[in-house]
Amino acid sequence: MANLIALMGESGAGKTTCFRNMNPAETLYIDCDGKGLSWKDWRSQYNKENKNYVKSSDKGIILKALAMAQDTPSIKYVIVDTFNAVMVDDEMARMSEKGFDKWVDLAAAVYGIIAYMLRMRDDLTCICVFHSQTDRDDYGNVWTRIKTNGRKLDKIVLESKFTTVLLAKVIDGKHVFEVHANNSTAKTPLGAFDEDTVPNDMVEVLKRLEDYR
């Protein structure tokens, strides 16, 4: 079973930039937003010629890319950025459809990708990037969680499918990851991190998690 990590955060919180130090030779980047990456010269690192960059929000194409990663031992990390593009594009494609079925199909598309990841090689780490949403409960408490489309996905509670959920934030002008719940669904394995926040660098987070295992 592959190791799954969820990364959530608002736009501008550093979700994409945190991958700047990843090794392109070991990484497959699935760019669902189609906006490209957020550091200089990224195109020389991730491109079709290197067979490590796929630009699509289509479930079928994403699953095909995952199957390729599964069969390529040199790939150790798969990044899907962002899952919300998969949700929104699927919803927009079904705008003319009415009824409950389209929301079931939407949930099935997202759940199907994550379920496939869970069956992938043990030495693979899949990092799923999401936007976050912050709500206020009936008692006035603020709570930040993964942003989804439709109640079906809310009922699944996507965070439950991941052992690690990171929240990208900007605190005092610094980009960090929240690794423990602080009015959020952030979580990491018990004992992996003593501090509540760590620097915005996915390579460092992965090293800490690998050392913990």
C-alpha atoms as a PDB file:
ATOM      1  CA  MET A   1       0.000   0.000   0.000  1.00  0.00           C
ATOM      2  CA  ALA A   2       1.395   3.387  -1.014  1.00  0.00           C
ATOM      3  CA  ASN A   3       1.923   6.115   1.549  1.00  0.00           C
ATOM      4  CA  LEU A   4      -0.644   8.912   1.075  1.00  0.00           C
ATOM      5  CA  ILE A   5      -0.165  12.522   2.148  1.00  0.00           C
ATOM      6  CA  ALA A   6      -2.761  15.276   1.820  1.00  0.00           C
ATOM      7  CA  LEU A   7      -1.680  18.902   1.551  1.00  0.00           C
ATOM      8  CA  MET A   8      -4.330  21.590   1.888  1.00  0.00           C
ATOM      9  CA  GLY A   9      -4.233  25.373   1.990  1.00  0.00           C
ATOM     10  CA  GLU A  10      -5.557  28.597   0.582  1.00  0.00           C
ATOM     11  CA  SER A  11      -4.293  30.087  -2.677  1.00  0.00           C
ATOM     12  CA  GLY A  12      -0.910  31.688  -2.046  1.00  0.00           C
ATOM     13  CA  ALA A  13      -0.142  29.565   1.021  1.00  0.00           C
ATOM     14  CA  GLY A  14       2.743  27.788  -0.730  1.00  0.00           C
ATOM     15  CA  LYS A  15       1.166  24.481  -1.725  1.00  0.00           C
ATOM     16  CA  THR A  16       2.910  24.188  -5.107  1.00  0.00           C
ATOM     17  CA  THR A  17       6.124  25.974  -4.118  1.00  0.00           C
ATOM     18  CA  CYS A  18       6.806  23.412  -1.379  1.00  0.00           C
ATOM     19  CA  PHE A  19       7.790  20.882  -4.083  1.00  0.00           C
ATOM     20  CA  ARG A  20      10.668  23.030  -5.394  1.00  0.00           C
ATOM     21  CA  ASN A  21      13.369  20.778  -3.902  1.00  0.00           C
ATOM     22  CA  MET A  22      11.907  17.434  -4.972  1.00  0.00           C
ATOM     23  CA  ASN A  23      14.089  15.268  -7.213  1.00  0.00           C
ATOM     24  CA  PRO A  24      12.483  15.363 -10.707  1.00  0.00           C
ATOM     25  CA  ALA A  25      14.089  12.019 -11.575  1.00  0.00           C
ATOM     26  CA  GLU A  26      12.028  10.375  -8.824  1.00  0.00           C
ATOM     27  CA  THR A  27       8.853  12.431  -9.139  1.00  0.00           C
ATOM     28  CA  LEU A  28       5.774  12.385 -11.363  1.00  0.00           C
ATOM     29  CA  TYR A  29       3.923  15.710 -11.288  1.00  0.00           C
ATOM     30  CA  ILE A  30       0.261  15.648 -12.360  1.00  0.00           C
ATOM     31  CA  ASP A  31      -0.730  19.274 -12.935  1.00  0.00           C
ATOM     32  CA  CYS A  32      -4.526  19.218 -12.747  1.00  0.00           C
ATOM     33  CA  ASP A  33      -4.806  23.014 -12.613  1.00  0.00           C
ATOM     34  CA  GLY A  34      -2.767  23.363 -15.795  1.00  0.00           C
ATOM     35  CA  LYS A  35      -1.103  26.521 -14.495  1.00  0.00           C
ATOM     36  CA  GLY A  36       2.439  25.219 -14.363  1.00  0.00           C
ATOM     37  CA  LEU A  37       4.716  25.216 -11.337  1.00  0.00           C
ATOM     38  CA  SER A  38       5.794  28.192  -9.283  1.00  0.00           C
ATOM     39  CA  TRP A  39       9.562  28.414  -9.430  1.00  0.00           C
ATOM     40  CA  LYS A  40      12.114  29.492 -12.030  1.00  0.00           C
ATOM     41  CA  ASP A  41      13.168  26.984 -14.711  1.00  0.00           C
ATOM     42  CA  TRP A  42      10.638  24.348 -13.611  1.00  0.00           C
ATOM     43  CA  ARG A  43      10.047  23.438 -17.269  1.00  0.00           C
ATOM     44  CA  SER A  44      13.575  22.084 -17.538  1.00  0.00           C
ATOM     45  CA  GLN A  45      12.815  19.773 -14.607  1.00  0.00           C
ATOM     46  CA  TYR A  46       9.270  18.654 -15.362  1.00  0.00           C
ATOM     47  CA  ASN A  47       8.222  18.058 -18.971  1.00  0.00           C
ATOM     48  CA  LYS A  48       6.857  15.439 -21.355  1.00  0.00           C
ATOM     49  CA  GLU A  49      10.332  14.540 -22.612  1.00  0.00           C
ATOM     50  CA  ASN A  50      11.362  13.546 -19.080  1.00  0.00           C
ATOM     51  CA  LYS A  51       8.084  11.642 -18.755  1.00  0.00           C
ATOM     52  CA  ASN A  52       7.480  13.179 -15.327  1.00  0.00           C
ATOM     53  CA  TYR A  53       4.861  15.830 -16.106  1.00  0.00           C
ATOM     54  CA  VAL A  54       1.189  15.338 -17.011  1.00  0.00           C
ATOM     55  CA  LYS A  55      -1.231  18.240 -17.450  1.00  0.00           C
ATOM     56  CA  SER A  56      -4.819  17.036 -17.050  1.00  0.00           C
ATOM     57  CA  SER A  57      -7.787  17.033 -14.679  1.00  0.00           C
ATOM     58  CA  ASP A  58      -9.440  14.077 -16.430  1.00  0.00           C
ATOM     59  CA  LYS A  59      -9.883  11.030 -14.190  1.00  0.00           C
ATOM     60  CA  GLY A  60      -9.019   8.575 -16.959  1.00  0.00           C
ATOM     61  CA  ILE A  61      -5.768  10.349 -17.853  1.00  0.00           C
ATOM     62  CA  ILE A  62      -4.813  10.659 -14.183  1.00  0.00           C
ATOM     63  CA  LEU A  63      -5.397   6.936 -13.601  1.00  0.00           C
ATOM     64  CA  LYS A  64      -3.323   6.144 -16.695  1.00  0.00           C
ATOM     65  CA  ALA A  65      -0.481   8.305 -15.339  1.00  0.00           C
ATOM     66  CA  LEU A  66      -0.715   6.546 -11.973  1.00  0.00           C
ATOM     67  CA  ALA A  67      -0.518   3.167 -13.701  1.00  0.00           C
ATOM     68  CA  MET A  68       2.640   4.350 -15.475  1.00  0.00           C
ATOM     69  CA  ALA A  69       4.140   5.414 -12.124  1.00  0.00           C
ATOM     70  CA  GLN A  70       3.198   2.051 -10.637  1.00  0.00           C
ATOM     71  CA  ASP A  71       5.166   0.287 -13.382  1.00  0.00           C
ATOM     72  CA  THR A  72       8.192   2.621 -13.210  1.00  0.00           C
ATOM     73  CA  PRO A  73      10.425   1.684 -10.262  1.00  0.00           C
ATOM     74  CA  SER A  74      12.457   4.909 -10.529  1.00  0.00           C
ATOM     75  CA  ILE A  75       9.374   6.955  -9.597  1.00  0.00           C
ATOM     76  CA  LYS A  76       9.119   7.270  -5.819  1.00  0.00           C
ATOM     77  CA  TYR A  77       6.758  10.238  -5.530  1.00  0.00           C
ATOM     78  CA  VAL A  78       3.524  11.194  -7.287  1.00  0.00           C
ATOM     79  CA  ILE A  79       2.033  14.678  -6.861  1.00  0.00           C
ATOM     80  CA  VAL A  80      -1.563  15.490  -7.865  1.00  0.00           C
ATOM     81  CA  ASP A  81      -2.052  19.289  -7.811  1.00  0.00           C
ATOM     82  CA  THR A  82      -4.896  20.072  -7.208  1.00  0.00           C
ATOM     83  CA  PHE A  83      -7.689  17.572  -6.685  1.00  0.00           C
ATOM     84  CA  ASN A  84     -10.117  20.484  -6.655  1.00  0.00           C
ATOM     85  CA  ALA A  85      -9.514  20.965 -10.379  1.00  0.00           C
ATOM     86  CA  VAL A  86     -10.718  17.382 -10.898  1.00  0.00           C
ATOM     87  CA  MET A  87     -13.845  18.146  -8.859  1.00  0.00           C
ATOM     88  CA  VAL A  88     -14.620  21.482 -10.532  1.00  0.00           C
ATOM     89  CA  ASP A  89     -13.962  20.338 -14.097  1.00  0.00           C
ATOM     90  CA  ASP A  90     -16.128  17.252 -13.596  1.00  0.00           C
ATOM     91  CA  GLU A  91     -18.887  19.395 -12.108  1.00  0.00           C
ATOM     92  CA  MET A  92     -18.718  21.917 -14.964  1.00  0.00           C
ATOM     93  CA  ALA A  93     -18.855  19.126 -17.537  1.00  0.00           C
ATOM     94  CA  ARG A  94     -22.111  17.973 -15.911  1.00  0.00           C
ATOM     95  CA  MET A  95     -23.755  21.385 -15.616  1.00  0.00           C
ATOM     96  CA  SER A  96     -26.648  20.366 -17.834  1.00  0.00           C
ATOM     97  CA  GLU A  97     -27.310  17.224 -15.783  1.00  0.00           C
ATOM     98  CA  LYS A  98     -29.890  17.353 -13.041  1.00  0.00           C
ATOM     99  CA  GLY A  99     -30.508  15.162 -10.074  1.00  0.00           C
ATOM    100  CA  PHE A 100     -28.489  13.419  -7.425  1.00  0.00           C
ATOM    101  CA  ASP A 101     -26.620  11.028  -9.718  1.00  0.00           C
ATOM    102  CA  LYS A 102     -24.088  13.584 -10.932  1.00  0.00           C
ATOM    103  CA  TRP A 103     -22.930  14.217  -7.350  1.00  0.00           C
ATOM    104  CA  VAL A 104     -22.548  10.489  -6.820  1.00  0.00           C
ATOM    105  CA  ASP A 105     -20.457  10.275  -9.995  1.00  0.00           C
ATOM    106  CA  LEU A 106     -18.337  13.232  -8.867  1.00  0.00           C
ATOM    107  CA  ALA A 107     -17.636  11.596  -5.515  1.00  0.00           C
ATOM    108  CA  ALA A 108     -16.855   8.318  -7.279  1.00  0.00           C
ATOM    109  CA  ALA A 109     -14.302  10.027  -9.548  1.00  0.00           C
ATOM    110  CA  VAL A 110     -12.314  11.500  -6.654  1.00  0.00           C
ATOM    111  CA  TYR A 111     -12.696   8.454  -4.427  1.00  0.00           C
ATOM    112  CA  GLY A 112     -11.684   6.185  -7.295  1.00  0.00           C
ATOM    113  CA  ILE A 113      -8.355   7.967  -7.786  1.00  0.00           C
ATOM    114  CA  ILE A 114      -7.546   7.859  -4.068  1.00  0.00           C
ATOM    115  CA  ALA A 115      -8.599   4.204  -3.823  1.00  0.00           C
ATOM    116  CA  TYR A 116      -6.258   3.378  -6.715  1.00  0.00           C
ATOM    117  CA  MET A 117      -3.394   5.179  -4.959  1.00  0.00           C
ATOM    118  CA  LEU A 118      -3.959   3.110  -1.830  1.00  0.00           C
ATOM    119  CA  ARG A 119      -3.306  -0.043  -3.882  1.00  0.00           C
ATOM    120  CA  MET A 120      -0.045   1.187  -5.384  1.00  0.00           C
ATOM    121  CA  ARG A 121       3.500   0.051  -4.540  1.00  0.00           C
ATOM    122  CA  ASP A 122       4.629   0.178  -0.927  1.00  0.00           C
ATOM    123  CA  ASP A 123       7.664   2.285  -1.818  1.00  0.00           C
ATOM    124  CA  LEU A 124       5.548   4.999  -3.475  1.00  0.00           C
ATOM    125  CA  THR A 125       4.421   8.190  -1.768  1.00  0.00           C
ATOM    126  CA  CYS A 126       1.416   9.965  -3.288  1.00  0.00           C
ATOM    127  CA  ILE A 127       0.890  13.605  -2.331  1.00  0.00           C
ATOM    128  CA  CYS A 128      -2.605  14.952  -3.014  1.00  0.00           C
ATOM    129  CA  VAL A 129      -2.986  18.728  -3.011  1.00  0.00           C
ATOM    130  CA  PHE A 130      -6.301  20.365  -2.093  1.00  0.00           C
ATOM    131  CA  HIS A 131      -7.658  23.823  -1.471  1.00  0.00           C
ATOM    132  CA  SER A 132      -8.875  24.377   2.074  1.00  0.00           C
ATOM    133  CA  GLN A 133     -12.055  25.883   3.435  1.00  0.00           C
ATOM    134  CA  THR A 134     -12.660  27.452   6.815  1.00  0.00           C
ATOM    135  CA  ASP A 135     -16.099  27.196   8.412  1.00  0.00           C
ATOM    136  CA  ARG A 136     -17.635  28.305  11.677  1.00  0.00           C
ATOM    137  CA  ASP A 137     -19.620  25.739  13.653  1.00  0.00           C
ATOM    138  CA  ASP A 138     -22.791  26.279  15.695  1.00  0.00           C
ATOM    139  CA  TYR A 139     -20.673  27.289  18.693  1.00  0.00           C
ATOM    140  CA  GLY A 140     -18.680  29.910  16.801  1.00  0.00           C
ATOM    141  CA  ASN A 141     -15.531  27.805  16.526  1.00  0.00           C
ATOM    142  CA  VAL A 142     -13.492  28.191  13.345  1.00  0.00           C
ATOM    143  CA  TRP A 143     -12.428  24.961  11.623  1.00  0.00           C
ATOM    144  CA  THR A 144     -10.264  24.461   8.513  1.00  0.00           C
ATOM    145  CA  ARG A 145     -10.550  21.321   6.386  1.00  0.00           C
ATOM    146  CA  ILE A 146     -10.152  20.019   2.843  1.00  0.00           C
ATOM    147  CA  LYS A 147     -12.448  21.825   0.422  1.00  0.00           C
ATOM    148  CA  THR A 148     -14.787  19.517  -1.492  1.00  0.00           C
ATOM    149  CA  ASN A 149     -17.626  19.776  -3.987  1.00  0.00           C
ATOM    150  CA  GLY A 150     -20.862  18.236  -2.796  1.00  0.00           C
ATOM    151  CA  ARG A 151     -22.094  16.547   0.355  1.00  0.00           C
ATOM    152  CA  LYS A 152     -21.188  13.090  -0.866  1.00  0.00           C
ATOM    153  CA  LEU A 153     -17.491  13.909  -0.613  1.00  0.00           C
ATOM    154  CA  ASP A 154     -18.057  15.582   2.759  1.00  0.00           C
ATOM    155  CA  LYS A 155     -19.557  12.338   4.056  1.00  0.00           C
ATOM    156  CA  ILE A 156     -16.517  10.376   2.904  1.00  0.00           C
ATOM    157  CA  VAL A 157     -14.289  12.722   4.995  1.00  0.00           C
ATOM    158  CA  LEU A 158     -11.298  12.684   2.675  1.00  0.00           C
ATOM    159  CA  GLU A 159      -8.853  13.279   5.551  1.00  0.00           C
ATOM    160  CA  SER A 160      -9.671   9.787   6.849  1.00  0.00           C
ATOM    161  CA  LYS A 161      -7.924   8.280   3.806  1.00  0.00           C
ATOM    162  CA  PHE A 162      -4.574   9.871   4.680  1.00  0.00           C
ATOM    163  CA  THR A 163      -2.142   9.151   7.516  1.00  0.00           C
ATOM    164  CA  THR A 164      -0.693  12.655   7.120  1.00  0.00           C
ATOM    165  CA  VAL A 165      -2.609  15.874   6.440  1.00  0.00           C
ATOM    166  CA  LEU A 166      -0.603  19.104   6.198  1.00  0.00           C
ATOM    167  CA  LEU A 167      -2.029  22.614   6.237  1.00  0.00           C
ATOM    168  CA  ALA A 168      -0.006  25.195   4.302  1.00  0.00           C
ATOM    169  CA  LYS A 169      -0.170  28.579   6.038  1.00  0.00           C
ATOM    170  CA  VAL A 170       1.564  31.944   6.203  1.00  0.00           C
ATOM    171  CA  ILE A 171       2.440  32.910   9.791  1.00  0.00           C
ATOM    172  CA  ASP A 172       4.269  36.180  10.507  1.00  0.00           C
ATOM    173  CA  GLY A 173       5.235  36.393   6.855  1.00  0.00           C
ATOM    174  CA  LYS A 174       6.712  32.877   6.757  1.00  0.00           C
ATOM    175  CA  HIS A 175       5.331  29.962   4.759  1.00  0.00           C
ATOM    176  CA  VAL A 176       4.957  26.897   6.984  1.00  0.00           C
ATOM    177  CA  PHE A 177       3.094  23.615   7.305  1.00  0.00           C
ATOM    178  CA  GLU A 178       0.815  23.038  10.271  1.00  0.00           C
ATOM    179  CA  VAL A 179       1.341  19.383  11.240  1.00  0.00           C
ATOM    180  CA  HIS A 180      -0.962  19.073  14.274  1.00  0.00           C
ATOM    181  CA  ALA A 181      -4.632  19.960  14.563  1.00  0.00           C
ATOM    182  CA  ASN A 182      -5.115  23.577  15.600  1.00  0.00           C
ATOM    183  CA  ASN A 183      -8.710  24.276  14.641  1.00  0.00           C
ATOM    184  CA  SER A 184      -7.994  22.223  11.529  1.00  0.00           C
ATOM    185  CA  THR A 185      -7.918  18.626  10.320  1.00  0.00           C
ATOM    186  CA  ALA A 186      -4.106  18.638  10.084  1.00  0.00           C
ATOM    187  CA  LYS A 187      -2.542  15.455  11.440  1.00  0.00           C
ATOM    188  CA  THR A 188       0.683  13.451  11.392  1.00  0.00           C
ATOM    189  CA  PRO A 189       1.688  10.087  12.897  1.00  0.00           C
ATOM    190  CA  LEU A 190       2.084  10.202  16.672  1.00  0.00           C
ATOM    191  CA  GLY A 191       5.630  11.189  17.574  1.00  0.00           C
ATOM    192  CA  ALA A 192       6.764  12.111  14.058  1.00  0.00           C
ATOM    193  CA  PHE A 193       6.763  15.835  14.814  1.00  0.00           C
ATOM    194  CA  ASP A 194       7.191  17.465  18.208  1.00  0.00           C
ATOM    195  CA  GLU A 195       6.579  20.991  16.918  1.00  0.00           C
ATOM    196  CA  ASP A 196       3.233  22.324  15.653  1.00  0.00           C
ATOM    197  CA  THR A 197       4.615  23.862  12.446  1.00  0.00           C
ATOM    198  CA  VAL A 198       7.552  23.054  10.163  1.00  0.00           C
ATOM    199  CA  PRO A 199       9.135  24.962   7.246  1.00  0.00           C
ATOM    200  CA  ASN A 200       7.421  24.862   3.868  1.00  0.00           C
ATOM    201  CA  ASP A 201       9.621  22.234   2.220  1.00  0.00           C
ATOM    202  CA  MET A 202       8.124  18.881   1.255  1.00  0.00           C
ATOM    203  CA  VAL A 203      11.557  17.239   1.017  1.00  0.00           C
ATOM    204  CA  GLU A 204      12.184  17.932   4.706  1.00  0.00           C
ATOM    205  CA  VAL A 205       8.724  16.647   5.671  1.00  0.00           C
ATOM    206  CA  LEU A 206       9.252  13.449   3.680  1.00  0.00           C
ATOM    207  CA  LYS A 207      12.632  12.895   5.326  1.00  0.00           C
ATOM    208  CA  ARG A 208      11.095  13.278   8.775  1.00  0.00           C
ATOM    209  CA  LEU A 209       8.315  10.828   7.944  1.00  0.00           C
ATOM    210  CA  GLU A 210      10.740   8.305   6.427  1.00  0.00           C
ATOM    211  CA  ASP A 211      13.011   8.524   9.489  1.00  0.00           C
ATOM    212  CA  TYR A 212       9.953   7.975  11.682  1.00  0.00           C
ATOM    213  CA  ARG A 213       8.997   4.814   9.805  1.00  0.00           C
END
